PDB file of N, CA and C in Angstrom:
ATOM      1  N   MET A   1     158.431 100.758 173.321  1.00  0.00           N
ATOM      2  CA  MET A   1     158.149  99.676 174.247  1.00  0.00           C
ATOM      3  C   MET A   1     158.755 100.014 175.605  1.00  0.00           C
ATOM      4  N   LYS A   2     157.995  99.707 176.633  1.00  0.00           N
ATOM      5  CA  LYS A   2     158.476  99.884 178.003  1.00  0.00           C
ATOM      6  C   LYS A   2     158.488  98.523 178.676  1.00  0.00           C
ATOM      7  N   GLN A   3     159.397  98.360 179.627  1.00  0.00           N
ATOM      8  CA  GLN A   3     159.431  97.096 180.366  1.00  0.00           C
ATOM      9  C   GLN A   3     159.973  97.311 181.769  1.00  0.00           C
ATOM     10  N   PHE A   4     159.593  96.412 182.657  1.00  0.00           N
ATOM     11  CA  PHE A   4     160.133  96.409 184.012  1.00  0.00           C
ATOM     12  C   PHE A   4     160.252  94.969 184.481  1.00  0.00           C
ATOM     13  N   THR A   5     161.119  94.769 185.459  1.00  0.00           N
ATOM     14  CA  THR A   5     161.239  93.444 186.064  1.00  0.00           C
ATOM     15  C   THR A   5     160.696  93.530 187.481  1.00  0.00           C
ATOM     16  N   TYR A   6     160.165  92.414 187.948  1.00  0.00           N
ATOM     17  CA  TYR A   6     159.589  92.374 189.285  1.00  0.00           C
ATOM     18  C   TYR A   6     159.841  91.000 189.892  1.00  0.00           C
ATOM     19  N   THR A   7     160.271  90.975 191.138  1.00  0.00           N
ATOM     20  CA  THR A   7     160.461  89.722 191.859  1.00  0.00           C
ATOM     21  C   THR A   7     159.214  89.464 192.694  1.00  0.00           C
ATOM     22  N   ILE A   8     158.589  88.317 192.472  1.00  0.00           N
ATOM     23  CA  ILE A   8     157.347  87.962 193.140  1.00  0.00           C
ATOM     24  C   ILE A   8     157.571  87.862 194.654  1.00  0.00           C
ATOM     25  N   THR A   9     156.732  88.560 195.419  1.00  0.00           N
ATOM     26  CA  THR A   9     156.846  88.528 196.880  1.00  0.00           C
ATOM     27  C   THR A   9     155.673  87.803 197.530  1.00  0.00           C
ATOM     28  N   ASP A  10     154.585  87.581 196.785  1.00  0.00           N
ATOM     29  CA  ASP A  10     153.425  86.853 197.319  1.00  0.00           C
ATOM     30  C   ASP A  10     153.838  85.427 197.654  1.00  0.00           C
ATOM     31  N   ALA A  11     153.501  84.969 198.835  1.00  0.00           N
ATOM     32  CA  ALA A  11     153.903  83.634 199.291  1.00  0.00           C
ATOM     33  C   ALA A  11     153.438  82.519 198.358  1.00  0.00           C
ATOM     34  N   GLU A  12     152.324  82.744 197.652  1.00  0.00           N
ATOM     35  CA  GLU A  12     151.789  81.711 196.759  1.00  0.00           C
ATOM     36  C   GLU A  12     152.122  81.960 195.298  1.00  0.00           C
ATOM     37  N   GLY A  13     152.911  82.987 195.009  1.00  0.00           N
ATOM     38  CA  GLY A  13     153.261  83.287 193.624  1.00  0.00           C
ATOM     39  C   GLY A  13     152.066  83.855 192.868  1.00  0.00           C
ATOM     40  N   ILE A  14     152.087  83.700 191.544  1.00  0.00           N
ATOM     41  CA  ILE A  14     150.962  84.178 190.739  1.00  0.00           C
ATOM     42  C   ILE A  14     149.932  83.049 190.688  1.00  0.00           C
ATOM     43  N   HIS A  15     149.001  83.061 191.638  1.00  0.00           N
ATOM     44  CA  HIS A  15     147.956  82.041 191.688  1.00  0.00           C
ATOM     45  C   HIS A  15     146.663  82.625 191.108  1.00  0.00           C
ATOM     46  N   ALA A  16     145.573  81.912 191.190  1.00  0.00           N
ATOM     47  CA  ALA A  16     144.337  82.260 190.484  1.00  0.00           C
ATOM     48  C   ALA A  16     143.813  83.670 190.758  1.00  0.00           C
ATOM     49  N   ARG A  17     143.725  84.066 192.028  1.00  0.00           N
ATOM     50  CA  ARG A  17     143.140  85.373 192.327  1.00  0.00           C
ATOM     51  C   ARG A  17     143.937  86.531 191.721  1.00  0.00           C
ATOM     52  N   PRO A  18     145.246  86.635 192.014  1.00  0.00           N
ATOM     53  CA  PRO A  18     145.974  87.753 191.414  1.00  0.00           C
ATOM     54  C   PRO A  18     146.116  87.630 189.894  1.00  0.00           C
ATOM     55  N   ALA A  19     146.142  86.407 189.379  1.00  0.00           N
ATOM     56  CA  ALA A  19     146.210  86.241 187.917  1.00  0.00           C
ATOM     57  C   ALA A  19     144.946  86.800 187.278  1.00  0.00           C
ATOM     58  N   GLY A  20     143.795  86.532 187.887  1.00  0.00           N
ATOM     59  CA  GLY A  20     142.538  87.070 187.377  1.00  0.00           C
ATOM     60  C   GLY A  20     142.504  88.584 187.426  1.00  0.00           C
ATOM     61  N   LEU A  21     142.997  89.141 188.524  1.00  0.00           N
ATOM     62  CA  LEU A  21     143.054  90.602 188.645  1.00  0.00           C
ATOM     63  C   LEU A  21     144.027  91.198 187.629  1.00  0.00           C
ATOM     64  N   LEU A  22     145.139  90.512 187.393  1.00  0.00           N
ATOM     65  CA  LEU A  22     146.113  90.989 186.406  1.00  0.00           C
ATOM     66  C   LEU A  22     145.498  91.013 185.018  1.00  0.00           C
ATOM     67  N   VAL A  23     144.801  89.954 184.645  1.00  0.00           N
ATOM     68  CA  VAL A  23     144.159  89.877 183.333  1.00  0.00           C
ATOM     69  C   VAL A  23     143.127  91.000 183.183  1.00  0.00           C
ATOM     70  N   LYS A  24     142.341  91.222 184.228  1.00  0.00           N
ATOM     71  CA  LYS A  24     141.336  92.289 184.185  1.00  0.00           C
ATOM     72  C   LYS A  24     141.999  93.657 184.037  1.00  0.00           C
ATOM     73  N   THR A  25     143.087  93.862 184.740  1.00  0.00           N
ATOM     74  CA  THR A  25     143.814  95.133 184.662  1.00  0.00           C
ATOM     75  C   THR A  25     144.418  95.320 183.268  1.00  0.00           C
ATOM     76  N   ALA A  26     145.063  94.277 182.746  1.00  0.00           N
ATOM     77  CA  ALA A  26     145.706  94.353 181.429  1.00  0.00           C
ATOM     78  C   ALA A  26     144.691  94.545 180.317  1.00  0.00           C
ATOM     79  N   ALA A  27     143.519  93.916 180.456  1.00  0.00           N
ATOM     80  CA  ALA A  27     142.488  93.988 179.415  1.00  0.00           C
ATOM     81  C   ALA A  27     141.930  95.401 179.231  1.00  0.00           C
ATOM     82  N   ALA A  28     142.152  96.259 180.211  1.00  0.00           N
ATOM     83  CA  ALA A  28     141.663  97.636 180.118  1.00  0.00           C
ATOM     84  C   ALA A  28     142.487  98.485 179.146  1.00  0.00           C
ATOM     85  N   PHE A  29     143.603  97.935 178.661  1.00  0.00           N
ATOM     86  CA  PHE A  29     144.495  98.685 177.777  1.00  0.00           C
ATOM     87  C   PHE A  29     144.553  98.056 176.392  1.00  0.00           C
ATOM     88  N   ALA A  30     144.759  98.898 175.386  1.00  0.00           N
ATOM     89  CA  ALA A  30     144.875  98.417 174.009  1.00  0.00           C
ATOM     90  C   ALA A  30     146.272  97.853 173.727  1.00  0.00           C
ATOM     91  N   SER A  31     147.254  98.261 174.497  1.00  0.00           N
ATOM     92  CA  SER A  31     148.637  97.840 174.277  1.00  0.00           C
ATOM     93  C   SER A  31     148.812  96.330 174.411  1.00  0.00           C
ATOM     94  N   ASP A  32     149.842  95.808 173.735  1.00  0.00           N
ATOM     95  CA  ASP A  32     150.231  94.410 173.875  1.00  0.00           C
ATOM     96  C   ASP A  32     151.030  94.302 175.171  1.00  0.00           C
ATOM     97  N   ILE A  33     150.593  93.442 176.074  1.00  0.00           N
ATOM     98  CA  ILE A  33     151.245  93.299 177.370  1.00  0.00           C
ATOM     99  C   ILE A  33     151.660  91.848 177.551  1.00  0.00           C
ATOM    100  N   GLN A  34     152.946  91.634 177.798  1.00  0.00           N
ATOM    101  CA  GLN A  34     153.493  90.293 177.961  1.00  0.00           C
ATOM    102  C   GLN A  34     154.152  90.167 179.334  1.00  0.00           C
ATOM    103  N   VAL A  35     154.015  89.001 179.938  1.00  0.00           N
ATOM    104  CA  VAL A  35     154.729  88.664 181.167  1.00  0.00           C
ATOM    105  C   VAL A  35     155.691  87.549 180.786  1.00  0.00           C
ATOM    106  N   ILE A  36     156.978  87.743 181.066  1.00  0.00           N
ATOM    107  CA  ILE A  36     158.005  86.791 180.641  1.00  0.00           C
ATOM    108  C   ILE A  36     158.725  86.225 181.855  1.00  0.00           C
ATOM    109  N   LYS A  37     158.830  84.895 181.891  1.00  0.00           N
ATOM    110  CA  LYS A  37     159.568  84.215 182.956  1.00  0.00           C
ATOM    111  C   LYS A  37     160.389  83.111 182.329  1.00  0.00           C
ATOM    112  N   ASP A  38     161.679  83.097 182.599  1.00  0.00           N
ATOM    113  CA  ASP A  38     162.587  82.072 182.085  1.00  0.00           C
ATOM    114  C   ASP A  38     162.484  81.912 180.566  1.00  0.00           C
ATOM    115  N   GLY A  39     162.331  83.024 179.856  1.00  0.00           N
ATOM    116  CA  GLY A  39     162.271  82.980 178.396  1.00  0.00           C
ATOM    117  C   GLY A  39     160.911  82.632 177.826  1.00  0.00           C
ATOM    118  N   ASN A  40     159.940  82.317 178.674  1.00  0.00           N
ATOM    119  CA  ASN A  40     158.588  82.002 178.216  1.00  0.00           C
ATOM    120  C   ASN A  40     157.701  83.225 178.385  1.00  0.00           C
ATOM    121  N   ALA A  41     157.060  83.643 177.294  1.00  0.00           N
ATOM    122  CA  ALA A  41     156.206  84.829 177.328  1.00  0.00           C
ATOM    123  C   ALA A  41     154.740  84.430 177.383  1.00  0.00           C
ATOM    124  N   ALA A  42     153.963  85.182 178.145  1.00  0.00           N
ATOM    125  CA  ALA A  42     152.523  84.954 178.256  1.00  0.00           C
ATOM    126  C   ALA A  42     151.791  86.264 178.003  1.00  0.00           C
ATOM    127  N   ASN A  43     150.728  86.183 177.247  1.00  0.00           N
ATOM    128  CA  ASN A  43     149.868  87.335 177.023  1.00  0.00           C
ATOM    129  C   ASN A  43     149.170  87.645 178.347  1.00  0.00           C
ATOM    130  N   ALA A  44     149.375  88.841 178.868  1.00  0.00           N
ATOM    131  CA  ALA A  44     148.832  89.208 180.177  1.00  0.00           C
ATOM    132  C   ALA A  44     147.315  89.342 180.168  1.00  0.00           C
ATOM    133  N   LYS A  45     146.696  89.230 178.993  1.00  0.00           N
ATOM    134  CA  LYS A  45     145.242  89.332 178.898  1.00  0.00           C
ATOM    135  C   LYS A  45     144.577  87.958 178.872  1.00  0.00           C
ATOM    136  N   LYS A  46     145.368  86.897 179.038  1.00  0.00           N
ATOM    137  CA  LYS A  46     144.836  85.528 179.012  1.00  0.00           C
ATOM    138  C   LYS A  46     145.231  84.802 180.296  1.00  0.00           C
ATOM    139  N   ILE A  47     144.247  84.454 181.103  1.00  0.00           N
ATOM    140  CA  ILE A  47     144.516  83.909 182.431  1.00  0.00           C
ATOM    141  C   ILE A  47     145.298  82.594 182.381  1.00  0.00           C
ATOM    142  N   PHE A  48     144.970  81.704 181.456  1.00  0.00           N
ATOM    143  CA  PHE A  48     145.682  80.428 181.418  1.00  0.00           C
ATOM    144  C   PHE A  48     147.135  80.613 181.012  1.00  0.00           C
ATOM    145  N   ALA A  49     147.404  81.606 180.169  1.00  0.00           N
ATOM    146  CA  ALA A  49     148.788  81.892 179.777  1.00  0.00           C
ATOM    147  C   ALA A  49     149.575  82.402 180.980  1.00  0.00           C
ATOM    148  N   VAL A  50     148.974  83.312 181.738  1.00  0.00           N
ATOM    149  CA  VAL A  50     149.645  83.886 182.918  1.00  0.00           C
ATOM    150  C   VAL A  50     149.889  82.802 183.965  1.00  0.00           C
ATOM    151  N   MET A  51     148.872  82.004 184.255  1.00  0.00           N
ATOM    152  CA  MET A  51     149.028  80.951 185.260  1.00  0.00           C
ATOM    153  C   MET A  51     150.003  79.867 184.782  1.00  0.00           C
ATOM    154  N   GLY A  52     150.071  79.667 183.474  1.00  0.00           N
ATOM    155  CA  GLY A  52     150.980  78.674 182.907  1.00  0.00           C
ATOM    156  C   GLY A  52     152.450  78.983 183.150  1.00  0.00           C
ATOM    157  N   LEU A  53     152.768  80.228 183.459  1.00  0.00           N
ATOM    158  CA  LEU A  53     154.156  80.582 183.771  1.00  0.00           C
ATOM    159  C   LEU A  53     154.593  79.982 185.103  1.00  0.00           C
ATOM    160  N   ALA A  54     153.633  79.692 185.967  1.00  0.00           N
ATOM    161  CA  ALA A  54     153.888  79.096 187.287  1.00  0.00           C
ATOM    162  C   ALA A  54     154.948  79.875 188.065  1.00  0.00           C
ATOM    163  N   ALA A  55     154.790  81.192 188.101  1.00  0.00           N
ATOM    164  CA  ALA A  55     155.743  82.044 188.809  1.00  0.00           C
ATOM    165  C   ALA A  55     155.550  81.903 190.311  1.00  0.00           C
ATOM    166  N   LYS A  56     156.612  81.568 190.988  1.00  0.00           N
ATOM    167  CA  LYS A  56     156.602  81.343 192.439  1.00  0.00           C
ATOM    168  C   LYS A  56     157.271  82.504 193.170  1.00  0.00           C
ATOM    169  N   LYS A  57     157.097  82.537 194.485  1.00  0.00           N
ATOM    170  CA  LYS A  57     157.735  83.564 195.310  1.00  0.00           C
ATOM    171  C   LYS A  57     159.250  83.517 195.104  1.00  0.00           C
ATOM    172  N   GLY A  58     159.848  84.699 194.929  1.00  0.00           N
ATOM    173  CA  GLY A  58     161.289  84.809 194.753  1.00  0.00           C
ATOM    174  C   GLY A  58     161.739  84.769 193.307  1.00  0.00           C
ATOM    175  N   GLU A  59     160.840  84.389 192.390  1.00  0.00           N
ATOM    176  CA  GLU A  59     161.205  84.359 190.970  1.00  0.00           C
ATOM    177  C   GLU A  59     160.948  85.727 190.353  1.00  0.00           C
ATOM    178  N   THR A  60     161.722  86.032 189.330  1.00  0.00           N
ATOM    179  CA  THR A  60     161.624  87.331 188.677  1.00  0.00           C
ATOM    180  C   THR A  60     160.930  87.200 187.335  1.00  0.00           C
ATOM    181  N   VAL A  61     159.991  88.113 187.077  1.00  0.00           N
ATOM    182  CA  VAL A  61     159.317  88.181 185.787  1.00  0.00           C
ATOM    183  C   VAL A  61     159.626  89.536 185.151  1.00  0.00           C
ATOM    184  N   THR A  62     159.541  89.579 183.845  1.00  0.00           N
ATOM    185  CA  THR A  62     159.692  90.824 183.102  1.00  0.00           C
ATOM    186  C   THR A  62     158.354  91.121 182.448  1.00  0.00           C
ATOM    187  N   VAL A  63     157.901  92.342 182.559  1.00  0.00           N
ATOM    188  CA  VAL A  63     156.643  92.757 181.943  1.00  0.00           C
ATOM    189  C   VAL A  63     156.975  93.753 180.846  1.00  0.00           C
ATOM    190  N   THR A  64     156.485  93.481 179.627  1.00  0.00           N
ATOM    191  CA  THR A  64     156.694  94.399 178.512  1.00  0.00           C
ATOM    192  C   THR A  64     155.345  94.958 178.074  1.00  0.00           C
ATOM    193  N   VAL A  65     155.359  96.224 177.707  1.00  0.00           N
ATOM    194  CA  VAL A  65     154.139  96.916 177.282  1.00  0.00           C
ATOM    195  C   VAL A  65     154.470  97.672 176.004  1.00  0.00           C
ATOM    196  N   GLU A  66     153.659  97.443 174.962  1.00  0.00           N
ATOM    197  CA  GLU A  66     153.905  98.131 173.698  1.00  0.00           C
ATOM    198  C   GLU A  66     152.581  98.490 173.050  1.00  0.00           C
ATOM    199  N   GLY A  67     152.416  99.778 172.729  1.00  0.00           N
ATOM    200  CA  GLY A  67     151.185 100.225 172.077  1.00  0.00           C
ATOM    201  C   GLY A  67     150.913 101.687 172.351  1.00  0.00           C
ATOM    202  N   GLY A  68     149.774 102.126 171.883  1.00  0.00           N
ATOM    203  CA  GLY A  68     149.408 103.536 171.972  1.00  0.00           C
ATOM    204  C   GLY A  68     149.227 104.058 173.384  1.00  0.00           C
ATOM    205  N   ASP A  69     148.798 103.198 174.293  1.00  0.00           N
ATOM    206  CA  ASP A  69     148.586 103.647 175.668  1.00  0.00           C
ATOM    207  C   ASP A  69     149.604 103.019 176.626  1.00  0.00           C
ATOM    208  N   GLU A  70     150.796 102.748 176.097  1.00  0.00           N
ATOM    209  CA  GLU A  70     151.798 102.032 176.896  1.00  0.00           C
ATOM    210  C   GLU A  70     152.251 102.792 178.142  1.00  0.00           C
ATOM    211  N   ALA A  71     152.303 104.112 178.092  1.00  0.00           N
ATOM    212  CA  ALA A  71     152.765 104.871 179.259  1.00  0.00           C
ATOM    213  C   ALA A  71     151.815 104.663 180.445  1.00  0.00           C
ATOM    214  N   LYS A  72     150.526 104.794 180.207  1.00  0.00           N
ATOM    215  CA  LYS A  72     149.538 104.609 181.274  1.00  0.00           C
ATOM    216  C   LYS A  72     149.495 103.144 181.711  1.00  0.00           C
ATOM    217  N   ALA A  73     149.546 102.224 180.757  1.00  0.00           N
ATOM    218  CA  ALA A  73     149.531 100.791 181.079  1.00  0.00           C
ATOM    219  C   ALA A  73     150.756 100.426 181.911  1.00  0.00           C
ATOM    220  N   PHE A  74     151.904 100.956 181.557  1.00  0.00           N
ATOM    221  CA  PHE A  74     153.149 100.684 182.271  1.00  0.00           C
ATOM    222  C   PHE A  74     153.027 101.107 183.731  1.00  0.00           C
ATOM    223  N   GLU A  75     152.563 102.336 183.959  1.00  0.00           N
ATOM    224  CA  GLU A  75     152.415 102.851 185.323  1.00  0.00           C
ATOM    225  C   GLU A  75     151.415 102.017 186.118  1.00  0.00           C
ATOM    226  N   THR A  76     150.289 101.704 185.503  1.00  0.00           N
ATOM    227  CA  THR A  76     149.234 100.944 186.176  1.00  0.00           C
ATOM    228  C   THR A  76     149.710  99.545 186.541  1.00  0.00           C
ATOM    229  N   LEU A  77     150.384  98.875 185.610  1.00  0.00           N
ATOM    230  CA  LEU A  77     150.842  97.509 185.864  1.00  0.00           C
ATOM    231  C   LEU A  77     151.962  97.466 186.895  1.00  0.00           C
ATOM    232  N   GLN A  78     152.842  98.442 186.862  1.00  0.00           N
ATOM    233  CA  GLN A  78     153.905  98.482 187.863  1.00  0.00           C
ATOM    234  C   GLN A  78     153.287  98.603 189.260  1.00  0.00           C
ATOM    235  N   ALA A  79     152.315  99.480 189.409  1.00  0.00           N
ATOM    236  CA  ALA A  79     151.631  99.651 190.695  1.00  0.00           C
ATOM    237  C   ALA A  79     150.876  98.375 191.070  1.00  0.00           C
ATOM    238  N   PHE A  80     150.258  97.725 190.090  1.00  0.00           N
ATOM    239  CA  PHE A  80     149.519  96.491 190.348  1.00  0.00           C
ATOM    240  C   PHE A  80     150.446  95.405 190.908  1.00  0.00           C
ATOM    241  N   PHE A  81     151.592  95.208 190.268  1.00  0.00           N
ATOM    242  CA  PHE A  81     152.527  94.165 190.732  1.00  0.00           C
ATOM    243  C   PHE A  81     152.993  94.450 192.165  1.00  0.00           C
ATOM    244  N   LYS A  82     153.307  95.707 192.465  1.00  0.00           N
ATOM    245  CA  LYS A  82     153.761  96.046 193.817  1.00  0.00           C
ATOM    246  C   LYS A  82     152.661  95.821 194.847  1.00  0.00           C
ATOM    247  N   ALA A  83     151.436  96.090 194.494  1.00  0.00           N
ATOM    248  CA  ALA A  83     150.327  95.974 195.449  1.00  0.00           C
ATOM    249  C   ALA A  83     149.806  94.538 195.604  1.00  0.00           C
ATOM    250  N   ASN A  84     149.925  93.728 194.555  1.00  0.00           N
ATOM    251  CA  ASN A  84     149.259  92.421 194.563  1.00  0.00           C
ATOM    252  C   ASN A  84     150.162  91.202 194.472  1.00  0.00           C
ATOM    253  N   LEU A  85     151.382  91.374 194.054  1.00  0.00           N
ATOM    254  CA  LEU A  85     152.250  90.207 193.855  1.00  0.00           C
ATOM    255  C   LEU A  85     153.574  90.365 194.580  1.00  0.00           C
TER     256      LEU A  85
END
């Protein structure tokens, strides 16, 4: 399992547009991908779960990736968070 933490820099936090892009990005991988905020975990492949975290600017999330393609998923998601959130 691989994981990283990221502090949200987008002024609107994880809102609909980036949440949709995150789900689309995560769905491309077979690995189990979770976004965790304040002890609450959300499946990164489900938009309502991701938006339900209500992550705002300045809050920190942890992303965990576990599965056969976790190395590629980890790199892709880390780049995604830096570019979009």
